[in-house]
Amino acid sequence: MWAHGFMTGIDMQRDHWKSLFESKHGAEIVRPIYLLGAPEITEAEEELVITPAQREELSKQIPQSIGWIYKFWAPQRRIADNANGKTAANENQKISRNAPCICGSGRKFKKCCGANQAEE
């Protein structure tokens, strides 16, 4: 039910979520929530949620997905906070290039999501 509510919220503001879905890992990260909560999925996707064990495995991936989504939107929150005069103590924390990637891919940050930052 939680995943269904989350997906309903995304659907209500789909245009605001577009940048996440177009990001390098966006669709992949939202996938467990989508599979468990979308009102309609394809037949191929239904094969991934038939058994309780499959649904349990997907539900275990949700906390990592939410963490990644939170970090994805962090820059927008900082912009909004700065516009409102708010500052965070840990605002300038950087992710170490050799740390595991925040998306959960298992690769180093510099070889995954951090590679995009090096290009900017």
PDB file of N, CA and C in Angstrom:
ATOM      1  N   MET A   1       0.824  -1.199   0.000  1.00  0.00           N
ATOM      2  CA  MET A   1       0.000   0.000   0.000  1.00  0.00           C
ATOM      3  C   MET A   1       0.869   1.265   0.000  1.00  0.00           C
ATOM      4  N   TRP A   2       1.988   1.222   0.727  1.00  0.00           N
ATOM      5  CA  TRP A   2       2.864   2.391   0.765  1.00  0.00           C
ATOM      6  C   TRP A   2       3.379   2.700  -0.638  1.00  0.00           C
ATOM      7  N   ALA A   3       3.839   1.686  -1.350  1.00  0.00           N
ATOM      8  CA  ALA A   3       4.376   1.879  -2.702  1.00  0.00           C
ATOM      9  C   ALA A   3       3.288   2.434  -3.623  1.00  0.00           C
ATOM     10  N   HIS A   4       2.070   1.959  -3.464  1.00  0.00           N
ATOM     11  CA  HIS A   4       0.956   2.467  -4.275  1.00  0.00           C
ATOM     12  C   HIS A   4       0.745   3.959  -4.003  1.00  0.00           C
ATOM     13  N   GLY A   5       0.778   4.350  -2.744  1.00  0.00           N
ATOM     14  CA  GLY A   5       0.635   5.763  -2.391  1.00  0.00           C
ATOM     15  C   GLY A   5       1.766   6.609  -2.951  1.00  0.00           C
ATOM     16  N   PHE A   6       2.984   6.091  -2.894  1.00  0.00           N
ATOM     17  CA  PHE A   6       4.141   6.811  -3.421  1.00  0.00           C
ATOM     18  C   PHE A   6       3.991   7.020  -4.922  1.00  0.00           C
ATOM     19  N   MET A   7       3.605   5.954  -5.641  1.00  0.00           N
ATOM     20  CA  MET A   7       3.426   6.054  -7.087  1.00  0.00           C
ATOM     21  C   MET A   7       2.259   6.982  -7.436  1.00  0.00           C
ATOM     22  N   THR A   8       1.226   6.995  -6.627  1.00  0.00           N
ATOM     23  CA  THR A   8       0.109   7.913  -6.851  1.00  0.00           C
ATOM     24  C   THR A   8       0.595   9.355  -6.730  1.00  0.00           C
ATOM     25  N   GLY A   9       1.430   9.607  -5.733  1.00  0.00           N
ATOM     26  CA  GLY A   9       2.005  10.941  -5.562  1.00  0.00           C
ATOM     27  C   GLY A   9       2.859  11.351  -6.750  1.00  0.00           C
ATOM     28  N   ILE A  10       3.662  10.437  -7.257  1.00  0.00           N
ATOM     29  CA  ILE A  10       4.474  10.722  -8.442  1.00  0.00           C
ATOM     30  C   ILE A  10       3.567  11.036  -9.627  1.00  0.00           C
ATOM     31  N   ASP A  11       2.539  10.219  -9.814  1.00  0.00           N
ATOM     32  CA  ASP A  11       1.621  10.428 -10.943  1.00  0.00           C
ATOM     33  C   ASP A  11       0.906  11.776 -10.860  1.00  0.00           C
ATOM     34  N   MET A  12       0.641  12.234  -9.652  1.00  0.00           N
ATOM     35  CA  MET A  12      -0.043  13.520  -9.486  1.00  0.00           C
ATOM     36  C   MET A  12       0.835  14.694  -9.907  1.00  0.00           C
ATOM     37  N   GLN A  13       2.153  14.513  -9.828  1.00  0.00           N
ATOM     38  CA  GLN A  13       3.096  15.583 -10.170  1.00  0.00           C
ATOM     39  C   GLN A  13       4.147  15.079 -11.161  1.00  0.00           C
ATOM     40  N   ARG A  14       3.728  14.294 -12.133  1.00  0.00           N
ATOM     41  CA  ARG A  14       4.642  13.622 -13.065  1.00  0.00           C
ATOM     42  C   ARG A  14       5.662  14.588 -13.687  1.00  0.00           C
ATOM     43  N   ASP A  15       5.246  15.773 -14.065  1.00  0.00           N
ATOM     44  CA  ASP A  15       6.162  16.711 -14.705  1.00  0.00           C
ATOM     45  C   ASP A  15       7.290  17.143 -13.767  1.00  0.00           C
ATOM     46  N   HIS A  16       7.034  17.179 -12.468  1.00  0.00           N
ATOM     47  CA  HIS A  16       8.071  17.544 -11.493  1.00  0.00           C
ATOM     48  C   HIS A  16       9.080  16.412 -11.292  1.00  0.00           C
ATOM     49  N   TRP A  17       8.688  15.190 -11.579  1.00  0.00           N
ATOM     50  CA  TRP A  17       9.558  14.024 -11.403  1.00  0.00           C
ATOM     51  C   TRP A  17      10.325  13.682 -12.670  1.00  0.00           C
ATOM     52  N   LYS A  18      10.088  14.395 -13.742  1.00  0.00           N
ATOM     53  CA  LYS A  18      10.685  14.082 -15.037  1.00  0.00           C
ATOM     54  C   LYS A  18      12.212  14.042 -14.974  1.00  0.00           C
ATOM     55  N   SER A  19      12.832  14.996 -14.298  1.00  0.00           N
ATOM     56  CA  SER A  19      14.296  15.028 -14.244  1.00  0.00           C
ATOM     57  C   SER A  19      14.862  13.800 -13.537  1.00  0.00           C
ATOM     58  N   LEU A  20      14.175  13.276 -12.553  1.00  0.00           N
ATOM     59  CA  LEU A  20      14.648  12.051 -11.890  1.00  0.00           C
ATOM     60  C   LEU A  20      14.590  10.871 -12.853  1.00  0.00           C
ATOM     61  N   PHE A  21      13.481  10.720 -13.559  1.00  0.00           N
ATOM     62  CA  PHE A  21      13.340   9.592 -14.471  1.00  0.00           C
ATOM     63  C   PHE A  21      14.291   9.686 -15.653  1.00  0.00           C
ATOM     64  N   GLU A  22      14.683  10.878 -16.021  1.00  0.00           N
ATOM     65  CA  GLU A  22      15.622  11.054 -17.127  1.00  0.00           C
ATOM     66  C   GLU A  22      17.077  10.978 -16.685  1.00  0.00           C
ATOM     67  N   SER A  23      17.335  10.918 -15.388  1.00  0.00           N
ATOM     68  CA  SER A  23      18.708  10.827 -14.888  1.00  0.00           C
ATOM     69  C   SER A  23      19.284   9.436 -15.174  1.00  0.00           C
ATOM     70  N   LYS A  24      20.575   9.321 -14.984  1.00  0.00           N
ATOM     71  CA  LYS A  24      21.297   8.091 -15.335  1.00  0.00           C
ATOM     72  C   LYS A  24      20.695   6.835 -14.700  1.00  0.00           C
ATOM     73  N   HIS A  25      20.356   6.881 -13.426  1.00  0.00           N
ATOM     74  CA  HIS A  25      19.852   5.700 -12.714  1.00  0.00           C
ATOM     75  C   HIS A  25      18.422   5.870 -12.208  1.00  0.00           C
ATOM     76  N   GLY A  26      17.754   6.946 -12.575  1.00  0.00           N
ATOM     77  CA  GLY A  26      16.448   7.262 -12.013  1.00  0.00           C
ATOM     78  C   GLY A  26      15.414   6.160 -12.139  1.00  0.00           C
ATOM     79  N   ALA A  27      15.169   5.703 -13.349  1.00  0.00           N
ATOM     80  CA  ALA A  27      14.139   4.674 -13.555  1.00  0.00           C
ATOM     81  C   ALA A  27      14.509   3.379 -12.835  1.00  0.00           C
ATOM     82  N   GLU A  28      15.792   3.064 -12.818  1.00  0.00           N
ATOM     83  CA  GLU A  28      16.265   1.847 -12.150  1.00  0.00           C
ATOM     84  C   GLU A  28      16.041   1.924 -10.637  1.00  0.00           C
ATOM     85  N   ILE A  29      16.279   3.084 -10.068  1.00  0.00           N
ATOM     86  CA  ILE A  29      16.135   3.249  -8.624  1.00  0.00           C
ATOM     87  C   ILE A  29      14.668   3.227  -8.208  1.00  0.00           C
ATOM     88  N   VAL A  30      13.793   3.797  -8.993  1.00  0.00           N
ATOM     89  CA  VAL A  30      12.367   3.832  -8.654  1.00  0.00           C
ATOM     90  C   VAL A  30      11.683   2.493  -8.966  1.00  0.00           C
ATOM     91  N   ARG A  31      12.335   1.631  -9.704  1.00  0.00           N
ATOM     92  CA  ARG A  31      11.737   0.381 -10.182  1.00  0.00           C
ATOM     93  C   ARG A  31      11.090  -0.475  -9.090  1.00  0.00           C
ATOM     94  N   PRO A  32      11.730  -0.737  -7.936  1.00  0.00           N
ATOM     95  CA  PRO A  32      11.049  -1.570  -6.929  1.00  0.00           C
ATOM     96  C   PRO A  32       9.748  -0.944  -6.433  1.00  0.00           C
ATOM     97  N   ILE A  33       9.740   0.373  -6.268  1.00  0.00           N
ATOM     98  CA  ILE A  33       8.527   1.057  -5.821  1.00  0.00           C
ATOM     99  C   ILE A  33       7.472   0.971  -6.916  1.00  0.00           C
ATOM    100  N   TYR A  34       7.907   1.184  -8.142  1.00  0.00           N
ATOM    101  CA  TYR A  34       6.997   1.111  -9.296  1.00  0.00           C
ATOM    102  C   TYR A  34       6.365  -0.280  -9.410  1.00  0.00           C
ATOM    103  N   LEU A  35       7.196  -1.323  -9.345  1.00  0.00           N
ATOM    104  CA  LEU A  35       6.672  -2.684  -9.508  1.00  0.00           C
ATOM    105  C   LEU A  35       5.668  -3.049  -8.424  1.00  0.00           C
ATOM    106  N   LEU A  36       5.889  -2.562  -7.218  1.00  0.00           N
ATOM    107  CA  LEU A  36       4.990  -2.893  -6.113  1.00  0.00           C
ATOM    108  C   LEU A  36       3.798  -1.946  -6.005  1.00  0.00           C
ATOM    109  N   GLY A  37       3.883  -0.762  -6.640  1.00  0.00           N
ATOM    110  CA  GLY A  37       2.837   0.218  -6.399  1.00  0.00           C
ATOM    111  C   GLY A  37       2.125   0.802  -7.594  1.00  0.00           C
ATOM    112  N   ALA A  38       2.615   0.533  -8.797  1.00  0.00           N
ATOM    113  CA  ALA A  38       1.952   1.105  -9.974  1.00  0.00           C
ATOM    114  C   ALA A  38       0.596   0.437 -10.183  1.00  0.00           C
ATOM    115  N   PRO A  39      -0.404   1.224 -10.560  1.00  0.00           N
ATOM    116  CA  PRO A  39      -1.731   0.632 -10.754  1.00  0.00           C
ATOM    117  C   PRO A  39      -1.770  -0.377 -11.899  1.00  0.00           C
ATOM    118  N   GLU A  40      -0.962  -0.164 -12.915  1.00  0.00           N
ATOM    119  CA  GLU A  40      -0.917  -1.091 -14.039  1.00  0.00           C
ATOM    120  C   GLU A  40       0.535  -1.293 -14.449  1.00  0.00           C
ATOM    121  N   ILE A  41       0.921  -2.565 -14.619  1.00  0.00           N
ATOM    122  CA  ILE A  41       2.253  -2.903 -15.108  1.00  0.00           C
ATOM    123  C   ILE A  41       2.098  -3.896 -16.255  1.00  0.00           C
ATOM    124  N   THR A  42       3.145  -4.053 -17.025  1.00  0.00           N
ATOM    125  CA  THR A  42       3.092  -4.948 -18.175  1.00  0.00           C
ATOM    126  C   THR A  42       3.085  -6.408 -17.721  1.00  0.00           C
ATOM    127  N   GLU A  43       2.764  -7.306 -18.653  1.00  0.00           N
ATOM    128  CA  GLU A  43       2.787  -8.738 -18.324  1.00  0.00           C
ATOM    129  C   GLU A  43       4.182  -9.182 -17.909  1.00  0.00           C
ATOM    130  N   ALA A  44       5.200  -8.683 -18.591  1.00  0.00           N
ATOM    131  CA  ALA A  44       6.580  -9.037 -18.239  1.00  0.00           C
ATOM    132  C   ALA A  44       6.916  -8.574 -16.824  1.00  0.00           C
ATOM    133  N   GLU A  45       6.435  -7.388 -16.462  1.00  0.00           N
ATOM    134  CA  GLU A  45       6.684  -6.871 -15.117  1.00  0.00           C
ATOM    135  C   GLU A  45       5.894  -7.659 -14.077  1.00  0.00           C
ATOM    136  N   GLU A  46       4.710  -8.111 -14.436  1.00  0.00           N
ATOM    137  CA  GLU A  46       3.907  -8.917 -13.510  1.00  0.00           C
ATOM    138  C   GLU A  46       4.624 -10.198 -13.120  1.00  0.00           C
ATOM    139  N   GLU A  47       5.432 -10.729 -14.031  1.00  0.00           N
ATOM    140  CA  GLU A  47       6.209 -11.937 -13.743  1.00  0.00           C
ATOM    141  C   GLU A  47       7.213 -11.699 -12.615  1.00  0.00           C
ATOM    142  N   LEU A  48       7.571 -10.446 -12.381  1.00  0.00           N
ATOM    143  CA  LEU A  48       8.556 -10.097 -11.348  1.00  0.00           C
ATOM    144  C   LEU A  48       7.945  -9.934  -9.963  1.00  0.00           C
ATOM    145  N   VAL A  49       6.603  -9.964  -9.875  1.00  0.00           N
ATOM    146  CA  VAL A  49       5.938  -9.745  -8.585  1.00  0.00           C
ATOM    147  C   VAL A  49       4.902 -10.825  -8.265  1.00  0.00           C
ATOM    148  N   ILE A  50       5.011 -11.971  -8.896  1.00  0.00           N
ATOM    149  CA  ILE A  50       4.012 -13.023  -8.700  1.00  0.00           C
ATOM    150  C   ILE A  50       4.093 -13.637  -7.297  1.00  0.00           C
ATOM    151  N   THR A  51       5.283 -14.006  -6.878  1.00  0.00           N
ATOM    152  CA  THR A  51       5.419 -14.737  -5.612  1.00  0.00           C
ATOM    153  C   THR A  51       5.659 -13.790  -4.440  1.00  0.00           C
ATOM    154  N   PRO A  52       5.297 -14.223  -3.248  1.00  0.00           N
ATOM    155  CA  PRO A  52       5.607 -13.417  -2.055  1.00  0.00           C
ATOM    156  C   PRO A  52       7.110 -13.172  -1.910  1.00  0.00           C
ATOM    157  N   ALA A  53       7.933 -14.149  -2.283  1.00  0.00           N
ATOM    158  CA  ALA A  53       9.383 -13.981  -2.181  1.00  0.00           C
ATOM    159  C   ALA A  53       9.879 -12.864  -3.102  1.00  0.00           C
ATOM    160  N   GLN A  54       9.324 -12.786  -4.299  1.00  0.00           N
ATOM    161  CA  GLN A  54       9.708 -11.723  -5.229  1.00  0.00           C
ATOM    162  C   GLN A  54       9.309 -10.355  -4.675  1.00  0.00           C
ATOM    163  N   ARG A  55       8.106 -10.269  -4.141  1.00  0.00           N
ATOM    164  CA  ARG A  55       7.642  -8.993  -3.581  1.00  0.00           C
ATOM    165  C   ARG A  55       8.464  -8.615  -2.348  1.00  0.00           C
ATOM    166  N   GLU A  56       8.826  -9.600  -1.550  1.00  0.00           N
ATOM    167  CA  GLU A  56       9.659  -9.341  -0.369  1.00  0.00           C
ATOM    168  C   GLU A  56      11.021  -8.797  -0.780  1.00  0.00           C
ATOM    169  N   GLU A  57      11.623  -9.384  -1.798  1.00  0.00           N
ATOM    170  CA  GLU A  57      12.928  -8.924  -2.275  1.00  0.00           C
ATOM    171  C   GLU A  57      12.836  -7.482  -2.783  1.00  0.00           C
ATOM    172  N   LEU A  58      11.790  -7.178  -3.520  1.00  0.00           N
ATOM    173  CA  LEU A  58      11.606  -5.805  -4.001  1.00  0.00           C
ATOM    174  C   LEU A  58      11.399  -4.837  -2.839  1.00  0.00           C
ATOM    175  N   SER A  59      10.635  -5.261  -1.842  1.00  0.00           N
ATOM    176  CA  SER A  59      10.383  -4.374  -0.697  1.00  0.00           C
ATOM    177  C   SER A  59      11.664  -4.090   0.081  1.00  0.00           C
ATOM    178  N   LYS A  60      12.604  -5.016   0.078  1.00  0.00           N
ATOM    179  CA  LYS A  60      13.889  -4.795   0.751  1.00  0.00           C
ATOM    180  C   LYS A  60      14.740  -3.761   0.031  1.00  0.00           C
ATOM    181  N   GLN A  61      14.467  -3.524  -1.241  1.00  0.00           N
ATOM    182  CA  GLN A  61      15.221  -2.550  -2.031  1.00  0.00           C
ATOM    183  C   GLN A  61      14.689  -1.124  -1.855  1.00  0.00           C
ATOM    184  N   ILE A  62      13.501  -0.980  -1.298  1.00  0.00           N
ATOM    185  CA  ILE A  62      12.877   0.335  -1.191  1.00  0.00           C
ATOM    186  C   ILE A  62      13.667   1.322  -0.324  1.00  0.00           C
ATOM    187  N   PRO A  63      14.176   0.947   0.850  1.00  0.00           N
ATOM    188  CA  PRO A  63      14.936   1.946   1.633  1.00  0.00           C
ATOM    189  C   PRO A  63      16.116   2.526   0.868  1.00  0.00           C
ATOM    190  N   GLN A  64      16.826   1.707   0.125  1.00  0.00           N
ATOM    191  CA  GLN A  64      17.943   2.197  -0.676  1.00  0.00           C
ATOM    192  C   GLN A  64      17.426   3.138  -1.773  1.00  0.00           C
ATOM    193  N   SER A  65      16.310   2.796  -2.378  1.00  0.00           N
ATOM    194  CA  SER A  65      15.719   3.655  -3.409  1.00  0.00           C
ATOM    195  C   SER A  65      15.348   5.018  -2.836  1.00  0.00           C
ATOM    196  N   ILE A  66      14.733   5.019  -1.681  1.00  0.00           N
ATOM    197  CA  ILE A  66      14.321   6.277  -1.060  1.00  0.00           C
ATOM    198  C   ILE A  66      15.542   7.122  -0.706  1.00  0.00           C
ATOM    199  N   GLY A  67      16.604   6.485  -0.225  1.00  0.00           N
ATOM    200  CA  GLY A  67      17.841   7.217   0.071  1.00  0.00           C
ATOM    201  C   GLY A  67      18.413   7.879  -1.169  1.00  0.00           C
ATOM    202  N   TRP A  68      18.410   7.150  -2.268  1.00  0.00           N
ATOM    203  CA  TRP A  68      18.929   7.707  -3.518  1.00  0.00           C
ATOM    204  C   TRP A  68      18.048   8.857  -3.994  1.00  0.00           C
ATOM    205  N   ILE A  69      16.739   8.696  -3.914  1.00  0.00           N
ATOM    206  CA  ILE A  69      15.812   9.752  -4.331  1.00  0.00           C
ATOM    207  C   ILE A  69      16.031  11.003  -3.477  1.00  0.00           C
ATOM    208  N   TYR A  70      16.202  10.818  -2.177  1.00  0.00           N
ATOM    209  CA  TYR A  70      16.455  11.937  -1.266  1.00  0.00           C
ATOM    210  C   TYR A  70      17.716  12.689  -1.690  1.00  0.00           C
ATOM    211  N   LYS A  71      18.778  11.941  -1.988  1.00  0.00           N
ATOM    212  CA  LYS A  71      20.039  12.578  -2.391  1.00  0.00           C
ATOM    213  C   LYS A  71      19.922  13.230  -3.761  1.00  0.00           C
ATOM    214  N   PHE A  72      19.141  12.654  -4.643  1.00  0.00           N
ATOM    215  CA  PHE A  72      18.951  13.235  -5.967  1.00  0.00           C
ATOM    216  C   PHE A  72      18.347  14.635  -5.857  1.00  0.00           C
ATOM    217  N   TRP A  73      17.370  14.799  -4.972  1.00  0.00           N
ATOM    218  CA  TRP A  73      16.677  16.080  -4.854  1.00  0.00           C
ATOM    219  C   TRP A  73      17.385  17.062  -3.919  1.00  0.00           C
ATOM    220  N   ALA A  74      18.489  16.659  -3.287  1.00  0.00           N
ATOM    221  CA  ALA A  74      19.185  17.525  -2.338  1.00  0.00           C
ATOM    222  C   ALA A  74      19.558  18.883  -2.927  1.00  0.00           C
ATOM    223  N   PRO A  75      20.105  18.953  -4.139  1.00  0.00           N
ATOM    224  CA  PRO A  75      20.452  20.282  -4.672  1.00  0.00           C
ATOM    225  C   PRO A  75      19.235  21.209  -4.792  1.00  0.00           C
ATOM    226  N   GLN A  76      18.100  20.676  -5.180  1.00  0.00           N
ATOM    227  CA  GLN A  76      16.897  21.502  -5.291  1.00  0.00           C
ATOM    228  C   GLN A  76      16.436  21.977  -3.919  1.00  0.00           C
ATOM    229  N   ARG A  77      16.570  21.119  -2.907  1.00  0.00           N
ATOM    230  CA  ARG A  77      16.206  21.536  -1.549  1.00  0.00           C
ATOM    231  C   ARG A  77      17.123  22.645  -1.066  1.00  0.00           C
ATOM    232  N   ARG A  78      18.433  22.528  -1.373  1.00  0.00           N
ATOM    233  CA  ARG A  78      19.385  23.563  -0.955  1.00  0.00           C
ATOM    234  C   ARG A  78      19.051  24.895  -1.618  1.00  0.00           C
ATOM    235  N   ILE A  79      18.697  24.851  -2.892  1.00  0.00           N
ATOM    236  CA  ILE A  79      18.329  26.091  -3.594  1.00  0.00           C
ATOM    237  C   ILE A  79      17.108  26.714  -2.932  1.00  0.00           C
ATOM    238  N   ALA A  80      16.119  25.895  -2.649  1.00  0.00           N
ATOM    239  CA  ALA A  80      14.901  26.402  -2.005  1.00  0.00           C
ATOM    240  C   ALA A  80      15.204  26.926  -0.611  1.00  0.00           C
ATOM    241  N   ASP A  81      16.030  26.209   0.158  1.00  0.00           N
ATOM    242  CA  ASP A  81      16.383  26.660   1.504  1.00  0.00           C
ATOM    243  C   ASP A  81      17.151  27.978   1.457  1.00  0.00           C
ATOM    244  N   ASN A  82      18.077  28.099   0.512  1.00  0.00           N
ATOM    245  CA  ASN A  82      18.843  29.342   0.404  1.00  0.00           C
ATOM    246  C   ASN A  82      17.939  30.500   0.001  1.00  0.00           C
ATOM    247  N   ALA A  83      16.975  30.237  -0.844  1.00  0.00           N
ATOM    248  CA  ALA A  83      16.037  31.279  -1.245  1.00  0.00           C
ATOM    249  C   ALA A  83      15.181  31.731  -0.070  1.00  0.00           C
ATOM    250  N   ASN A  84      14.945  30.805   0.868  1.00  0.00           N
ATOM    251  CA  ASN A  84      14.140  31.118   2.057  1.00  0.00           C
ATOM    252  C   ASN A  84      15.000  31.547   3.239  1.00  0.00           C
ATOM    253  N   GLY A  85      16.325  31.658   3.030  1.00  0.00           N
ATOM    254  CA  GLY A  85      17.212  32.092   4.096  1.00  0.00           C
ATOM    255  C   GLY A  85      17.631  30.997   5.051  1.00  0.00           C
ATOM    256  N   LYS A  86      17.377  29.745   4.714  1.00  0.00           N
ATOM    257  CA  LYS A  86      17.766  28.627   5.577  1.00  0.00           C
ATOM    258  C   LYS A  86      19.107  28.077   5.112  1.00  0.00           C
ATOM    259  N   THR A  87      19.916  27.594   6.063  1.00  0.00           N
ATOM    260  CA  THR A  87      21.156  26.916   5.720  1.00  0.00           C
ATOM    261  C   THR A  87      21.267  25.648   6.545  1.00  0.00           C
ATOM    262  N   ALA A  88      21.939  24.677   5.992  1.00  0.00           N
ATOM    263  CA  ALA A  88      22.150  23.403   6.699  1.00  0.00           C
ATOM    264  C   ALA A  88      23.611  23.306   7.101  1.00  0.00           C
ATOM    265  N   ALA A  89      23.878  22.723   8.257  1.00  0.00           N
ATOM    266  CA  ALA A  89      25.243  22.595   8.752  1.00  0.00           C
ATOM    267  C   ALA A  89      26.084  21.717   7.839  1.00  0.00           C
ATOM    268  N   ASN A  90      25.483  20.700   7.265  1.00  0.00           N
ATOM    269  CA  ASN A  90      26.253  19.771   6.437  1.00  0.00           C
ATOM    270  C   ASN A  90      26.082  20.055   4.943  1.00  0.00           C
ATOM    271  N   GLU A  91      25.731  21.271   4.607  1.00  0.00           N
ATOM    272  CA  GLU A  91      25.430  21.637   3.225  1.00  0.00           C
ATOM    273  C   GLU A  91      26.617  21.430   2.287  1.00  0.00           C
ATOM    274  N   ASN A  92      27.835  21.613   2.787  1.00  0.00           N
ATOM    275  CA  ASN A  92      29.013  21.535   1.934  1.00  0.00           C
ATOM    276  C   ASN A  92      29.702  20.187   1.960  1.00  0.00           C
ATOM    277  N   GLN A  93      29.069  19.178   2.523  1.00  0.00           N
ATOM    278  CA  GLN A  93      29.684  17.860   2.555  1.00  0.00           C
ATOM    279  C   GLN A  93      29.800  17.314   1.149  1.00  0.00           C
ATOM    280  N   LYS A  94      30.955  16.740   0.853  1.00  0.00           N
ATOM    281  CA  LYS A  94      31.176  16.151  -0.461  1.00  0.00           C
ATOM    282  C   LYS A  94      31.240  14.641  -0.321  1.00  0.00           C
ATOM    283  N   ILE A  95      30.886  13.977  -1.380  1.00  0.00           N
ATOM    284  CA  ILE A  95      30.994  12.525  -1.423  1.00  0.00           C
ATOM    285  C   ILE A  95      32.397  12.202  -1.913  1.00  0.00           C
ATOM    286  N   SER A  96      33.095  11.361  -1.198  1.00  0.00           N
ATOM    287  CA  SER A  96      34.431  10.944  -1.611  1.00  0.00           C
ATOM    288  C   SER A  96      34.351  10.218  -2.938  1.00  0.00           C
ATOM    289  N   ARG A  97      35.297  10.502  -3.823  1.00  0.00           N
ATOM    290  CA  ARG A  97      35.300   9.852  -5.132  1.00  0.00           C
ATOM    291  C   ARG A  97      35.426   8.338  -5.008  1.00  0.00           C
ATOM    292  N   ASN A  98      36.076   7.864  -3.953  1.00  0.00           N
ATOM    293  CA  ASN A  98      36.289   6.428  -3.788  1.00  0.00           C
ATOM    294  C   ASN A  98      35.224   5.755  -2.933  1.00  0.00           C
ATOM    295  N   ALA A  99      34.251   6.533  -2.472  1.00  0.00           N
ATOM    296  CA  ALA A  99      33.157   5.964  -1.680  1.00  0.00           C
ATOM    297  C   ALA A  99      32.222   5.187  -2.597  1.00  0.00           C
ATOM    298  N   PRO A 100      31.480   4.232  -2.053  1.00  0.00           N
ATOM    299  CA  PRO A 100      30.477   3.541  -2.877  1.00  0.00           C
ATOM    300  C   PRO A 100      29.471   4.549  -3.412  1.00  0.00           C
ATOM    301  N   CYS A 101      29.017   4.334  -4.618  1.00  0.00           N
ATOM    302  CA  CYS A 101      28.085   5.270  -5.248  1.00  0.00           C
ATOM    303  C   CYS A 101      26.780   5.325  -4.459  1.00  0.00           C
ATOM    304  N   ILE A 102      26.189   6.507  -4.403  1.00  0.00           N
ATOM    305  CA  ILE A 102      24.952   6.720  -3.657  1.00  0.00           C
ATOM    306  C   ILE A 102      23.762   6.023  -4.295  1.00  0.00           C
ATOM    307  N   CYS A 103      23.897   5.618  -5.551  1.00  0.00           N
ATOM    308  CA  CYS A 103      22.768   4.973  -6.227  1.00  0.00           C
ATOM    309  C   CYS A 103      22.662   3.494  -5.873  1.00  0.00           C
ATOM    310  N   GLY A 104      23.687   2.946  -5.206  1.00  0.00           N
ATOM    311  CA  GLY A 104      23.624   1.550  -4.804  1.00  0.00           C
ATOM    312  C   GLY A 104      24.099   0.567  -5.860  1.00  0.00           C
ATOM    313  N   SER A 105      24.783   1.053  -6.896  1.00  0.00           N
ATOM    314  CA  SER A 105      25.231   0.178  -7.976  1.00  0.00           C
ATOM    315  C   SER A 105      26.360  -0.752  -7.543  1.00  0.00           C
ATOM    316  N   GLY A 106      27.049  -0.406  -6.457  1.00  0.00           N
ATOM    317  CA  GLY A 106      28.187  -1.203  -6.005  1.00  0.00           C
ATOM    318  C   GLY A 106      29.510  -0.693  -6.567  1.00  0.00           C
ATOM    319  N   ARG A 107      29.440   0.239  -7.496  1.00  0.00           N
ATOM    320  CA  ARG A 107      30.656   0.812  -8.073  1.00  0.00           C
ATOM    321  C   ARG A 107      31.080   2.025  -7.261  1.00  0.00           C
ATOM    322  N   LYS A 108      32.334   2.452  -7.479  1.00  0.00           N
ATOM    323  CA  LYS A 108      32.806   3.665  -6.824  1.00  0.00           C
ATOM    324  C   LYS A 108      32.062   4.864  -7.392  1.00  0.00           C
ATOM    325  N   PHE A 109      31.868   5.863  -6.548  1.00  0.00           N
ATOM    326  CA  PHE A 109      31.153   7.077  -6.945  1.00  0.00           C
ATOM    327  C   PHE A 109      31.780   7.696  -8.183  1.00  0.00           C
ATOM    328  N   LYS A 110      33.128   7.731  -8.246  1.00  0.00           N
ATOM    329  CA  LYS A 110      33.800   8.391  -9.368  1.00  0.00           C
ATOM    330  C   LYS A 110      33.584   7.658 -10.692  1.00  0.00           C
ATOM    331  N   LYS A 111      33.266   6.362 -10.641  1.00  0.00           N
ATOM    332  CA  LYS A 111      33.044   5.579 -11.858  1.00  0.00           C
ATOM    333  C   LYS A 111      31.570   5.487 -12.226  1.00  0.00           C
ATOM    334  N   CYS A 112      30.708   6.033 -11.376  1.00  0.00           N
ATOM    335  CA  CYS A 112      29.263   5.906 -11.608  1.00  0.00           C
ATOM    336  C   CYS A 112      28.654   7.304 -11.698  1.00  0.00           C
ATOM    337  N   CYS A 113      27.870   7.687 -10.718  1.00  0.00           N
ATOM    338  CA  CYS A 113      27.192   8.986 -10.747  1.00  0.00           C
ATOM    339  C   CYS A 113      28.167  10.152 -10.684  1.00  0.00           C
ATOM    340  N   GLY A 114      29.314   9.969 -10.043  1.00  0.00           N
ATOM    341  CA  GLY A 114      30.305  11.026  -9.950  1.00  0.00           C
ATOM    342  C   GLY A 114      30.967  11.328 -11.277  1.00  0.00           C
ATOM    343  N   ALA A 115      30.918  10.391 -12.216  1.00  0.00           N
ATOM    344  CA  ALA A 115      31.491  10.616 -13.542  1.00  0.00           C
ATOM    345  C   ALA A 115      30.774  11.758 -14.227  1.00  0.00           C
ATOM    346  N   ASN A 116      29.483  11.888 -14.019  1.00  0.00           N
ATOM    347  CA  ASN A 116      28.708  12.989 -14.612  1.00  0.00           C
ATOM    348  C   ASN A 116      29.141  14.325 -14.031  1.00  0.00           C
ATOM    349  N   GLN A 117      29.466  14.359 -12.755  1.00  0.00           N
ATOM    350  CA  GLN A 117      29.873  15.608 -12.111  1.00  0.00           C
ATOM    351  C   GLN A 117      31.225  16.079 -12.629  1.00  0.00           C
ATOM    352  N   ALA A 118      32.096  15.131 -12.955  1.00  0.00           N
ATOM    353  CA  ALA A 118      33.419  15.488 -13.463  1.00  0.00           C
ATOM    354  C   ALA A 118      33.304  16.156 -14.817  1.00  0.00           C
ATOM    355  N   GLU A 119      32.273  15.822 -15.592  1.00  0.00           N
ATOM    356  CA  GLU A 119      32.069  16.391 -16.913  1.00  0.00           C
ATOM    357  C   GLU A 119      31.557  17.817 -16.838  1.00  0.00           C
ATOM    358  N   GLU A 120      30.876  18.171 -15.748  1.00  0.00           N
ATOM    359  CA  GLU A 120      30.243  19.504 -15.637  1.00  0.00           C
ATOM    360  C   GLU A 120      31.235  20.585 -15.383  1.00  0.00           C
TER     361      GLU A 120
END
